[in-house]
């Protein structure tokens, strides 16, 4: 699939000020595929290490601070020497090894000639705490679900070619206008999660899309108790389950009291912040206010495309 982030990764690769890169984003948005595809396209070889599947990797980082020694040992594991600039090193699920995440500091300071990309599930919740990662020693890149143009490129290459050729002020022929509207409506239903898009391309089965979406939601909910730390997992779950239904109501307001009777904002602020850091909730600016607003990033991203939510009397009111 076409992912726009490939272009950003290429800018990172060619930058004179390049640092080890950390990809942030919710589960299943395509971070692992993106890293491996980038390595396939732009490097002679890719060295992939998964700290969730290869538990023995942790001992390398627990006993070594010298980045050149770490590279030597990683090369021995793969049976091939790692060459700076020609090979891409991938640390996946890096949140499972805090020493590996912290080692990026040493790579930045002493071995920045090596090209390293890291990613992990709910890594944003760690990065939200400055003491848990090497501040100022890494580049950060947010990875989101597929945008409409990425969706279009995956599902209808001919229509994508037309869409990509449209210039500002150009009149769009009625036949293409309708085709684009139809594709956009499919996008609102299917969403931008790569697994859903791939399933639609292969099967064209709405029931299968619904099943995958439900599995993804359950996967997110299971993560709440696994990675919540000091934040109450029950409150995270309550907020998560209430967001979409509340914002879909006719009165178009998010009310804390609907999360739990008698609830106040201060009770759920940390839960909302956790969801923001995990990449499951977007924080946006209201152009008429200096205050930050909170908006859910649902699997079907229709709400985020057309409206903002303005806080009024402890609630968030939608404005078209």
C-alpha atoms as a PDB file:
ATOM      1  CA  UNK A   1       0.000   0.000   0.000  1.00  0.00           C
ATOM      2  CA  UNK A   2       1.041   3.583  -0.540  1.00  0.00           C
ATOM      3  CA  UNK A   3       1.855   5.377   2.706  1.00  0.00           C
ATOM      4  CA  UNK A   4       2.717   9.064   2.686  1.00  0.00           C
ATOM      5  CA  UNK A   5       5.032   8.575   5.659  1.00  0.00           C
ATOM      6  CA  UNK A   6       7.557   6.887   3.345  1.00  0.00           C
ATOM      7  CA  UNK A   7       8.408  10.344   2.003  1.00  0.00           C
ATOM      8  CA  UNK A   8       8.993  11.629   5.543  1.00  0.00           C
ATOM      9  CA  UNK A   9      11.211   8.652   6.294  1.00  0.00           C
ATOM     10  CA  UNK A  10      13.243   9.403   3.184  1.00  0.00           C
ATOM     11  CA  UNK A  11      13.734  12.997   4.354  1.00  0.00           C
ATOM     12  CA  UNK A  12      14.924  11.598   7.692  1.00  0.00           C
ATOM     13  CA  UNK A  13      17.348   9.206   5.960  1.00  0.00           C
ATOM     14  CA  UNK A  14      18.951  12.005   3.955  1.00  0.00           C
ATOM     15  CA  UNK A  15      19.046  14.591   6.735  1.00  0.00           C
ATOM     16  CA  UNK A  16      22.441  15.816   7.913  1.00  0.00           C
ATOM     17  CA  UNK A  17      20.929  16.233  11.400  1.00  0.00           C
ATOM     18  CA  UNK A  18      19.415  12.741  11.501  1.00  0.00           C
ATOM     19  CA  UNK A  19      19.001  11.106  14.912  1.00  0.00           C
ATOM     20  CA  UNK A  20      17.601   7.675  15.786  1.00  0.00           C
ATOM     21  CA  UNK A  21      13.929   7.769  14.835  1.00  0.00           C
ATOM     22  CA  UNK A  22      10.980   6.757  17.022  1.00  0.00           C
ATOM     23  CA  UNK A  23       7.607   6.076  15.393  1.00  0.00           C
ATOM     24  CA  UNK A  24       4.553   6.870  17.514  1.00  0.00           C
ATOM     25  CA  UNK A  25       1.050   5.647  16.810  1.00  0.00           C
ATOM     26  CA  UNK A  26      -1.759   3.404  17.966  1.00  0.00           C
ATOM     27  CA  UNK A  27      -1.728  -0.350  17.482  1.00  0.00           C
ATOM     28  CA  UNK A  28      -2.257  -1.727  13.990  1.00  0.00           C
ATOM     29  CA  UNK A  29      -1.808   1.539  12.079  1.00  0.00           C
ATOM     30  CA  UNK A  30       0.990  -0.053  10.039  1.00  0.00           C
ATOM     31  CA  UNK A  31       4.217   0.942  11.823  1.00  0.00           C
ATOM     32  CA  UNK A  32       5.973  -2.418  11.405  1.00  0.00           C
ATOM     33  CA  UNK A  33       5.023  -2.730   7.733  1.00  0.00           C
ATOM     34  CA  UNK A  34       6.138   0.838   7.118  1.00  0.00           C
ATOM     35  CA  UNK A  35       9.589   0.293   8.653  1.00  0.00           C
ATOM     36  CA  UNK A  36      10.184  -2.941   6.764  1.00  0.00           C
ATOM     37  CA  UNK A  37       8.923  -1.513   3.473  1.00  0.00           C
ATOM     38  CA  UNK A  38      11.162   1.536   3.901  1.00  0.00           C
ATOM     39  CA  UNK A  39      14.140  -0.736   4.502  1.00  0.00           C
ATOM     40  CA  UNK A  40      13.288  -2.826   1.453  1.00  0.00           C
ATOM     41  CA  UNK A  41      13.031   0.218  -0.802  1.00  0.00           C
ATOM     42  CA  UNK A  42      15.966   2.339   0.332  1.00  0.00           C
ATOM     43  CA  UNK A  43      18.589   0.104   1.988  1.00  0.00           C
ATOM     44  CA  UNK A  44      20.745  -2.798   0.917  1.00  0.00           C
ATOM     45  CA  UNK A  45      19.555  -4.841   3.890  1.00  0.00           C
ATOM     46  CA  UNK A  46      17.331  -4.539   6.961  1.00  0.00           C
ATOM     47  CA  UNK A  47      18.120  -5.871  10.436  1.00  0.00           C
ATOM     48  CA  UNK A  48      14.840  -6.393  12.272  1.00  0.00           C
ATOM     49  CA  UNK A  49      14.723  -6.996  16.043  1.00  0.00           C
ATOM     50  CA  UNK A  50      11.488  -7.556  17.972  1.00  0.00           C
ATOM     51  CA  UNK A  51      11.805  -7.194  21.750  1.00  0.00           C
ATOM     52  CA  UNK A  52       8.460  -8.845  22.380  1.00  0.00           C
ATOM     53  CA  UNK A  53       9.228 -11.991  20.383  1.00  0.00           C
ATOM     54  CA  UNK A  54      12.990 -12.200  21.108  1.00  0.00           C
ATOM     55  CA  UNK A  55      13.263 -11.826  24.864  1.00  0.00           C
ATOM     56  CA  UNK A  56      16.950 -12.753  24.865  1.00  0.00           C
ATOM     57  CA  UNK A  57      17.776  -9.498  23.060  1.00  0.00           C
ATOM     58  CA  UNK A  58      17.238  -7.579  26.286  1.00  0.00           C
ATOM     59  CA  UNK A  59      20.450  -8.923  27.857  1.00  0.00           C
ATOM     60  CA  UNK A  60      22.539  -7.173  25.176  1.00  0.00           C
ATOM     61  CA  UNK A  61      21.208  -3.769  26.198  1.00  0.00           C
ATOM     62  CA  UNK A  62      21.157  -4.512  29.919  1.00  0.00           C
ATOM     63  CA  UNK A  63      24.904  -5.247  30.000  1.00  0.00           C
ATOM     64  CA  UNK A  64      26.225  -2.840  27.339  1.00  0.00           C
ATOM     65  CA  UNK A  65      26.210   0.945  26.984  1.00  0.00           C
ATOM     66  CA  UNK A  66      28.708   1.131  24.119  1.00  0.00           C
ATOM     67  CA  UNK A  67      26.659   1.450  20.885  1.00  0.00           C
ATOM     68  CA  UNK A  68      29.462   0.001  18.739  1.00  0.00           C
ATOM     69  CA  UNK A  69      29.557  -3.104  20.937  1.00  0.00           C
ATOM     70  CA  UNK A  70      25.768  -3.376  20.727  1.00  0.00           C
ATOM     71  CA  UNK A  71      25.949  -3.210  16.913  1.00  0.00           C
ATOM     72  CA  UNK A  72      28.664  -5.870  16.881  1.00  0.00           C
ATOM     73  CA  UNK A  73      26.534  -8.234  18.987  1.00  0.00           C
ATOM     74  CA  UNK A  74      23.390  -7.599  16.938  1.00  0.00           C
ATOM     75  CA  UNK A  75      25.341  -8.376  13.782  1.00  0.00           C
ATOM     76  CA  UNK A  76      26.540 -11.649  15.307  1.00  0.00           C
ATOM     77  CA  UNK A  77      22.935 -12.608  16.043  1.00  0.00           C
ATOM     78  CA  UNK A  78      22.005 -12.077  12.382  1.00  0.00           C
ATOM     79  CA  UNK A  79      25.256 -13.569  11.112  1.00  0.00           C
ATOM     80  CA  UNK A  80      26.129 -10.490   9.082  1.00  0.00           C
ATOM     81  CA  UNK A  81      28.049  -7.278   9.689  1.00  0.00           C
ATOM     82  CA  UNK A  82      25.904  -4.151   9.974  1.00  0.00           C
ATOM     83  CA  UNK A  83      27.218  -1.395   7.697  1.00  0.00           C
ATOM     84  CA  UNK A  84      26.444   2.260   8.561  1.00  0.00           C
ATOM     85  CA  UNK A  85      24.267   4.032   6.004  1.00  0.00           C
ATOM     86  CA  UNK A  86      23.739   0.917   3.877  1.00  0.00           C
ATOM     87  CA  UNK A  87      21.738  -1.100   6.403  1.00  0.00           C
ATOM     88  CA  UNK A  88      18.601  -0.162   8.352  1.00  0.00           C
ATOM     89  CA  UNK A  89      18.253  -1.296  11.974  1.00  0.00           C
ATOM     90  CA  UNK A  90      14.705  -1.744  13.304  1.00  0.00           C
ATOM     91  CA  UNK A  91      13.853  -2.019  17.005  1.00  0.00           C
ATOM     92  CA  UNK A  92      10.217  -3.136  17.151  1.00  0.00           C
ATOM     93  CA  UNK A  93       8.106  -3.351  20.326  1.00  0.00           C
ATOM     94  CA  UNK A  94      10.907  -1.389  21.969  1.00  0.00           C
ATOM     95  CA  UNK A  95       8.667  -0.525  24.919  1.00  0.00           C
ATOM     96  CA  UNK A  96       9.373  -4.072  26.166  1.00  0.00           C
ATOM     97  CA  UNK A  97      13.026  -3.131  26.791  1.00  0.00           C
ATOM     98  CA  UNK A  98      13.592   0.250  28.424  1.00  0.00           C
ATOM     99  CA  UNK A  99      17.365  -0.183  28.094  1.00  0.00           C
ATOM    100  CA  UNK A 100      17.023  -0.474  24.307  1.00  0.00           C
ATOM    101  CA  UNK A 101      14.946   2.701  24.208  1.00  0.00           C
ATOM    102  CA  UNK A 102      17.502   4.522  26.346  1.00  0.00           C
ATOM    103  CA  UNK A 103      20.355   3.214  24.189  1.00  0.00           C
ATOM    104  CA  UNK A 104      19.170   5.523  21.415  1.00  0.00           C
ATOM    105  CA  UNK A 105      20.826   8.321  23.385  1.00  0.00           C
ATOM    106  CA  UNK A 106      24.222   6.633  23.012  1.00  0.00           C
ATOM    107  CA  UNK A 107      23.647   5.985  19.321  1.00  0.00           C
ATOM    108  CA  UNK A 108      22.863   9.670  18.831  1.00  0.00           C
ATOM    109  CA  UNK A 109      25.956  10.811  20.717  1.00  0.00           C
ATOM    110  CA  UNK A 110      28.557   8.224  19.697  1.00  0.00           C
ATOM    111  CA  UNK A 111      27.324   6.220  16.696  1.00  0.00           C
ATOM    112  CA  UNK A 112      24.914   8.375  14.732  1.00  0.00           C
ATOM    113  CA  UNK A 113      26.216   6.956  11.455  1.00  0.00           C
ATOM    114  CA  UNK A 114      23.905   3.971  12.014  1.00  0.00           C
ATOM    115  CA  UNK A 115      20.345   4.335  10.759  1.00  0.00           C
ATOM    116  CA  UNK A 116      17.959   3.163  13.497  1.00  0.00           C
ATOM    117  CA  UNK A 117      14.152   3.246  13.626  1.00  0.00           C
ATOM    118  CA  UNK A 118      12.206   2.187  16.730  1.00  0.00           C
ATOM    119  CA  UNK A 119       8.498   1.608  17.255  1.00  0.00           C
ATOM    120  CA  UNK A 120       6.209  -0.025  19.775  1.00  0.00           C
ATOM    121  CA  UNK A 121       2.651  -0.498  20.942  1.00  0.00           C
ATOM    122  CA  UNK A 122       1.441   2.431  23.064  1.00  0.00           C
ATOM    123  CA  UNK A 123       4.957   3.850  22.962  1.00  0.00           C
ATOM    124  CA  UNK A 124       3.446   7.319  23.205  1.00  0.00           C
ATOM    125  CA  UNK A 125       2.488   6.656  26.815  1.00  0.00           C
ATOM    126  CA  UNK A 126       6.190   6.240  27.617  1.00  0.00           C
ATOM    127  CA  UNK A 127       7.278   9.214  25.547  1.00  0.00           C
ATOM    128  CA  UNK A 128       4.816  11.377  27.471  1.00  0.00           C
ATOM    129  CA  UNK A 129       7.110  10.919  30.485  1.00  0.00           C
ATOM    130  CA  UNK A 130      10.427  12.696  29.725  1.00  0.00           C
ATOM    131  CA  UNK A 131      12.431  10.584  32.167  1.00  0.00           C
ATOM    132  CA  UNK A 132      11.518   7.384  30.322  1.00  0.00           C
ATOM    133  CA  UNK A 133      13.273   8.146  27.033  1.00  0.00           C
ATOM    134  CA  UNK A 134      16.298  10.113  25.738  1.00  0.00           C
ATOM    135  CA  UNK A 135      14.880  13.622  25.418  1.00  0.00           C
ATOM    136  CA  UNK A 136      16.416  15.581  22.551  1.00  0.00           C
ATOM    137  CA  UNK A 137      18.380  12.576  21.305  1.00  0.00           C
ATOM    138  CA  UNK A 138      15.762  11.120  18.951  1.00  0.00           C
ATOM    139  CA  UNK A 139      13.556  12.235  16.082  1.00  0.00           C
ATOM    140  CA  UNK A 140       9.825  11.537  16.471  1.00  0.00           C
ATOM    141  CA  UNK A 141       7.301  10.749  13.753  1.00  0.00           C
ATOM    142  CA  UNK A 142       3.568  10.195  14.270  1.00  0.00           C
ATOM    143  CA  UNK A 143       1.972   7.411  12.236  1.00  0.00           C
ATOM    144  CA  UNK A 144      -1.808   7.590  11.834  1.00  0.00           C
ATOM    145  CA  UNK A 145      -4.356   5.391  10.074  1.00  0.00           C
ATOM    146  CA  UNK A 146      -4.481   5.718   6.305  1.00  0.00           C
ATOM    147  CA  UNK A 147      -5.673   9.063   4.948  1.00  0.00           C
ATOM    148  CA  UNK A 148      -8.293   9.291   2.208  1.00  0.00           C
ATOM    149  CA  UNK A 149      -5.706   9.659  -0.552  1.00  0.00           C
ATOM    150  CA  UNK A 150      -3.853   6.581   0.747  1.00  0.00           C
ATOM    151  CA  UNK A 151      -7.143   4.693   0.865  1.00  0.00           C
ATOM    152  CA  UNK A 152      -7.919   5.770  -2.681  1.00  0.00           C
ATOM    153  CA  UNK A 153      -4.472   4.718  -3.932  1.00  0.00           C
ATOM    154  CA  UNK A 154      -5.011   1.261  -2.427  1.00  0.00           C
ATOM    155  CA  UNK A 155      -8.577   0.683  -3.625  1.00  0.00           C
ATOM    156  CA  UNK A 156      -8.832   2.461  -7.000  1.00  0.00           C
ATOM    157  CA  UNK A 157      -5.554   3.373  -8.670  1.00  0.00           C
ATOM    158  CA  UNK A 158      -7.250   4.963 -11.700  1.00  0.00           C
ATOM    159  CA  UNK A 159      -9.410   7.243  -9.575  1.00  0.00           C
ATOM    160  CA  UNK A 160      -6.399   8.048  -7.381  1.00  0.00           C
ATOM    161  CA  UNK A 161      -4.482   9.138 -10.482  1.00  0.00           C
ATOM    162  CA  UNK A 162      -7.312  11.515 -11.376  1.00  0.00           C
ATOM    163  CA  UNK A 163      -7.584  12.752  -7.770  1.00  0.00           C
ATOM    164  CA  UNK A 164      -3.855  13.411  -7.670  1.00  0.00           C
ATOM    165  CA  UNK A 165      -4.037  15.468 -10.862  1.00  0.00           C
ATOM    166  CA  UNK A 166      -6.684  17.895  -9.564  1.00  0.00           C
ATOM    167  CA  UNK A 167      -5.408  21.454  -9.256  1.00  0.00           C
ATOM    168  CA  UNK A 168      -6.777  24.305  -7.160  1.00  0.00           C
ATOM    169  CA  UNK A 169      -9.785  25.923  -8.856  1.00  0.00           C
ATOM    170  CA  UNK A 170     -10.129  23.105 -11.364  1.00  0.00           C
ATOM    171  CA  UNK A 171     -13.677  22.079 -12.262  1.00  0.00           C
ATOM    172  CA  UNK A 172     -14.302  18.418 -11.518  1.00  0.00           C
ATOM    173  CA  UNK A 173     -16.378  16.489 -14.032  1.00  0.00           C
ATOM    174  CA  UNK A 174     -19.633  15.138 -12.613  1.00  0.00           C
ATOM    175  CA  UNK A 175     -18.759  11.505 -13.272  1.00  0.00           C
ATOM    176  CA  UNK A 176     -15.503  11.784 -11.304  1.00  0.00           C
ATOM    177  CA  UNK A 177     -17.142  13.894  -8.619  1.00  0.00           C
ATOM    178  CA  UNK A 178     -19.656  11.121  -7.952  1.00  0.00           C
ATOM    179  CA  UNK A 179     -16.976   8.429  -8.003  1.00  0.00           C
ATOM    180  CA  UNK A 180     -14.920  10.371  -5.462  1.00  0.00           C
ATOM    181  CA  UNK A 181     -17.959  10.843  -3.225  1.00  0.00           C
ATOM    182  CA  UNK A 182     -18.715   7.125  -3.385  1.00  0.00           C
ATOM    183  CA  UNK A 183     -15.119   6.266  -2.471  1.00  0.00           C
ATOM    184  CA  UNK A 184     -15.182   8.760   0.388  1.00  0.00           C
ATOM    185  CA  UNK A 185     -18.354   7.194   1.759  1.00  0.00           C
ATOM    186  CA  UNK A 186     -16.658   3.786   1.654  1.00  0.00           C
ATOM    187  CA  UNK A 187     -13.679   5.322   3.469  1.00  0.00           C
ATOM    188  CA  UNK A 188     -15.924   6.623   6.252  1.00  0.00           C
ATOM    189  CA  UNK A 189     -17.325   3.126   6.764  1.00  0.00           C
ATOM    190  CA  UNK A 190     -14.170   1.063   6.303  1.00  0.00           C
ATOM    191  CA  UNK A 191     -11.786   3.529   7.967  1.00  0.00           C
ATOM    192  CA  UNK A 192      -8.049   3.837   7.576  1.00  0.00           C
ATOM    193  CA  UNK A 193      -6.784   0.828   9.500  1.00  0.00           C
ATOM    194  CA  UNK A 194      -4.617  -1.091   6.985  1.00  0.00           C
ATOM    195  CA  UNK A 195      -6.070  -4.502   7.867  1.00  0.00           C
ATOM    196  CA  UNK A 196      -9.585  -3.239   7.155  1.00  0.00           C
ATOM    197  CA  UNK A 197      -8.524  -1.678   3.861  1.00  0.00           C
ATOM    198  CA  UNK A 198      -6.718  -4.847   2.767  1.00  0.00           C
ATOM    199  CA  UNK A 199      -9.752  -6.952   3.655  1.00  0.00           C
ATOM    200  CA  UNK A 200     -12.003  -4.688   1.586  1.00  0.00           C
ATOM    201  CA  UNK A 201      -9.668  -4.969  -1.406  1.00  0.00           C
ATOM    202  CA  UNK A 202      -9.598  -8.769  -1.104  1.00  0.00           C
ATOM    203  CA  UNK A 203     -13.134  -9.690  -0.042  1.00  0.00           C
ATOM    204  CA  UNK A 204     -15.458  -6.658  -0.417  1.00  0.00           C
ATOM    205  CA  UNK A 205     -17.363  -8.022   2.594  1.00  0.00           C
ATOM    206  CA  UNK A 206     -18.828  -5.430   5.024  1.00  0.00           C
ATOM    207  CA  UNK A 207     -19.403  -8.122   7.656  1.00  0.00           C
ATOM    208  CA  UNK A 208     -15.701  -9.009   7.600  1.00  0.00           C
ATOM    209  CA  UNK A 209     -14.772  -5.334   7.981  1.00  0.00           C
ATOM    210  CA  UNK A 210     -17.064  -5.064  10.994  1.00  0.00           C
ATOM    211  CA  UNK A 211     -15.478  -8.155  12.543  1.00  0.00           C
ATOM    212  CA  UNK A 212     -11.953  -6.757  12.123  1.00  0.00           C
ATOM    213  CA  UNK A 213     -12.976  -3.396  13.571  1.00  0.00           C
ATOM    214  CA  UNK A 214     -14.473  -5.083  16.620  1.00  0.00           C
ATOM    215  CA  UNK A 215     -11.313  -7.144  17.126  1.00  0.00           C
ATOM    216  CA  UNK A 216      -9.209  -3.991  16.971  1.00  0.00           C
ATOM    217  CA  UNK A 217     -11.388  -2.303  19.577  1.00  0.00           C
ATOM    218  CA  UNK A 218     -11.054  -5.335  21.854  1.00  0.00           C
ATOM    219  CA  UNK A 219      -7.284  -5.275  21.313  1.00  0.00           C
ATOM    220  CA  UNK A 220      -7.155  -1.637  22.393  1.00  0.00           C
ATOM    221  CA  UNK A 221      -9.278  -2.318  25.449  1.00  0.00           C
ATOM    222  CA  UNK A 222      -7.047  -5.224  26.488  1.00  0.00           C
ATOM    223  CA  UNK A 223      -4.074  -2.865  26.388  1.00  0.00           C
ATOM    224  CA  UNK A 224      -5.591  -0.536  28.964  1.00  0.00           C
ATOM    225  CA  UNK A 225      -4.906  -2.843  31.880  1.00  0.00           C
ATOM    226  CA  UNK A 226      -1.551  -3.986  30.468  1.00  0.00           C
ATOM    227  CA  UNK A 227       0.007  -0.557  29.987  1.00  0.00           C
ATOM    228  CA  UNK A 228      -1.957   1.804  32.222  1.00  0.00           C
ATOM    229  CA  UNK A 229       0.748   2.329  34.874  1.00  0.00           C
ATOM    230  CA  UNK A 230      -0.523   4.724  37.545  1.00  0.00           C
ATOM    231  CA  UNK A 231      -3.669   5.615  35.591  1.00  0.00           C
ATOM    232  CA  UNK A 232      -6.819   3.734  36.597  1.00  0.00           C
ATOM    233  CA  UNK A 233      -7.539   1.277  33.773  1.00  0.00           C
ATOM    234  CA  UNK A 234     -11.225   1.194  34.640  1.00  0.00           C
ATOM    235  CA  UNK A 235     -11.536   4.938  34.026  1.00  0.00           C
ATOM    236  CA  UNK A 236      -9.649   4.664  30.736  1.00  0.00           C
ATOM    237  CA  UNK A 237     -12.095   1.989  29.614  1.00  0.00           C
ATOM    238  CA  UNK A 238     -15.115   4.033  30.701  1.00  0.00           C
ATOM    239  CA  UNK A 239     -13.941   7.109  28.782  1.00  0.00           C
ATOM    240  CA  UNK A 240     -13.013   5.081  25.695  1.00  0.00           C
ATOM    241  CA  UNK A 241     -16.377   3.336  25.535  1.00  0.00           C
ATOM    242  CA  UNK A 242     -18.333   6.548  26.003  1.00  0.00           C
ATOM    243  CA  UNK A 243     -16.550   8.878  23.571  1.00  0.00           C
ATOM    244  CA  UNK A 244     -18.008   7.851  20.239  1.00  0.00           C
ATOM    245  CA  UNK A 245     -21.554   7.260  21.446  1.00  0.00           C
ATOM    246  CA  UNK A 246     -21.647  10.587  23.274  1.00  0.00           C
ATOM    247  CA  UNK A 247     -20.352  12.597  20.348  1.00  0.00           C
ATOM    248  CA  UNK A 248     -22.864  10.888  18.061  1.00  0.00           C
ATOM    249  CA  UNK A 249     -25.862  12.042  20.117  1.00  0.00           C
ATOM    250  CA  UNK A 250     -28.320  14.544  18.691  1.00  0.00           C
ATOM    251  CA  UNK A 251     -27.361  17.151  21.279  1.00  0.00           C
ATOM    252  CA  UNK A 252     -23.748  16.836  20.058  1.00  0.00           C
ATOM    253  CA  UNK A 253     -22.183  17.224  23.493  1.00  0.00           C
ATOM    254  CA  UNK A 254     -19.683  15.191  25.462  1.00  0.00           C
ATOM    255  CA  UNK A 255     -20.769  15.176  29.118  1.00  0.00           C
ATOM    256  CA  UNK A 256     -18.561  13.777  31.863  1.00  0.00           C
ATOM    257  CA  UNK A 257     -21.654  12.781  33.789  1.00  0.00           C
ATOM    258  CA  UNK A 258     -22.496  10.330  31.012  1.00  0.00           C
ATOM    259  CA  UNK A 259     -19.228   8.492  31.568  1.00  0.00           C
ATOM    260  CA  UNK A 260     -20.343   7.898  35.128  1.00  0.00           C
ATOM    261  CA  UNK A 261     -23.171   9.506  37.059  1.00  0.00           C
ATOM    262  CA  UNK A 262     -21.884  12.464  39.039  1.00  0.00           C
ATOM    263  CA  UNK A 263     -18.450  12.349  37.397  1.00  0.00           C
ATOM    264  CA  UNK A 264     -16.286  15.486  37.176  1.00  0.00           C
ATOM    265  CA  UNK A 265     -13.586  16.433  34.705  1.00  0.00           C
ATOM    266  CA  UNK A 266     -10.783  16.125  37.270  1.00  0.00           C
ATOM    267  CA  UNK A 267     -11.660  12.441  37.800  1.00  0.00           C
ATOM    268  CA  UNK A 268     -11.062  11.533  34.171  1.00  0.00           C
ATOM    269  CA  UNK A 269      -8.361  13.987  33.061  1.00  0.00           C
ATOM    270  CA  UNK A 270      -5.565  11.440  33.477  1.00  0.00           C
ATOM    271  CA  UNK A 271      -7.554   8.791  31.594  1.00  0.00           C
ATOM    272  CA  UNK A 272      -8.075  11.178  28.687  1.00  0.00           C
ATOM    273  CA  UNK A 273      -4.394  12.147  28.706  1.00  0.00           C
ATOM    274  CA  UNK A 274      -3.450   8.458  28.588  1.00  0.00           C
ATOM    275  CA  UNK A 275      -5.674   7.933  25.537  1.00  0.00           C
ATOM    276  CA  UNK A 276      -4.109  10.985  23.868  1.00  0.00           C
ATOM    277  CA  UNK A 277      -0.586   9.675  24.510  1.00  0.00           C
ATOM    278  CA  UNK A 278      -1.567   6.223  23.235  1.00  0.00           C
ATOM    279  CA  UNK A 279      -2.712   7.712  19.940  1.00  0.00           C
ATOM    280  CA  UNK A 280      -6.358   6.733  20.399  1.00  0.00           C
ATOM    281  CA  UNK A 281      -7.655  10.249  21.000  1.00  0.00           C
ATOM    282  CA  UNK A 282      -6.683  13.367  19.069  1.00  0.00           C
ATOM    283  CA  UNK A 283      -6.170  16.724  20.712  1.00  0.00           C
ATOM    284  CA  UNK A 284      -7.055  19.639  18.426  1.00  0.00           C
ATOM    285  CA  UNK A 285      -7.260  23.412  18.645  1.00  0.00           C
ATOM    286  CA  UNK A 286     -10.494  25.340  18.394  1.00  0.00           C
ATOM    287  CA  UNK A 287      -9.654  28.311  16.129  1.00  0.00           C
ATOM    288  CA  UNK A 288     -11.885  30.517  18.310  1.00  0.00           C
ATOM    289  CA  UNK A 289     -10.251  29.508  21.583  1.00  0.00           C
ATOM    290  CA  UNK A 290      -6.761  29.054  23.009  1.00  0.00           C
ATOM    291  CA  UNK A 291      -7.903  25.968  24.913  1.00  0.00           C
ATOM    292  CA  UNK A 292      -7.010  22.474  23.725  1.00  0.00           C
ATOM    293  CA  UNK A 293      -9.924  20.253  22.757  1.00  0.00           C
ATOM    294  CA  UNK A 294     -10.213  16.488  22.818  1.00  0.00           C
ATOM    295  CA  UNK A 295     -11.559  14.522  19.869  1.00  0.00           C
ATOM    296  CA  UNK A 296     -11.725  10.738  19.505  1.00  0.00           C
ATOM    297  CA  UNK A 297      -9.784   9.067  16.731  1.00  0.00           C
ATOM    298  CA  UNK A 298     -12.326   6.370  15.894  1.00  0.00           C
ATOM    299  CA  UNK A 299     -11.704   3.563  13.441  1.00  0.00           C
ATOM    300  CA  UNK A 300     -14.079   5.320  11.083  1.00  0.00           C
ATOM    301  CA  UNK A 301     -12.549   8.778  11.105  1.00  0.00           C
ATOM    302  CA  UNK A 302     -15.662  10.604   9.842  1.00  0.00           C
ATOM    303  CA  UNK A 303     -16.084  12.886  12.868  1.00  0.00           C
ATOM    304  CA  UNK A 304     -12.532  14.233  12.732  1.00  0.00           C
ATOM    305  CA  UNK A 305     -12.955  15.264   9.101  1.00  0.00           C
ATOM    306  CA  UNK A 306     -15.910  17.618   9.492  1.00  0.00           C
ATOM    307  CA  UNK A 307     -16.229  19.132  12.924  1.00  0.00           C
ATOM    308  CA  UNK A 308     -14.600  20.443  16.053  1.00  0.00           C
ATOM    309  CA  UNK A 309     -15.785  20.219  19.638  1.00  0.00           C
ATOM    310  CA  UNK A 310     -16.107  23.381  21.687  1.00  0.00           C
ATOM    311  CA  UNK A 311     -16.185  23.206  25.485  1.00  0.00           C
ATOM    312  CA  UNK A 312     -19.263  24.779  27.049  1.00  0.00           C
ATOM    313  CA  UNK A 313     -20.313  24.336  30.679  1.00  0.00           C
ATOM    314  CA  UNK A 314     -18.190  21.237  31.226  1.00  0.00           C
ATOM    315  CA  UNK A 315     -19.216  19.663  27.929  1.00  0.00           C
ATOM    316  CA  UNK A 316     -17.847  19.535  24.393  1.00  0.00           C
ATOM    317  CA  UNK A 317     -20.246  20.921  21.799  1.00  0.00           C
ATOM    318  CA  UNK A 318     -19.804  20.105  18.139  1.00  0.00           C
ATOM    319  CA  UNK A 319     -19.663  22.883  15.578  1.00  0.00           C
ATOM    320  CA  UNK A 320     -19.987  22.089  11.879  1.00  0.00           C
END
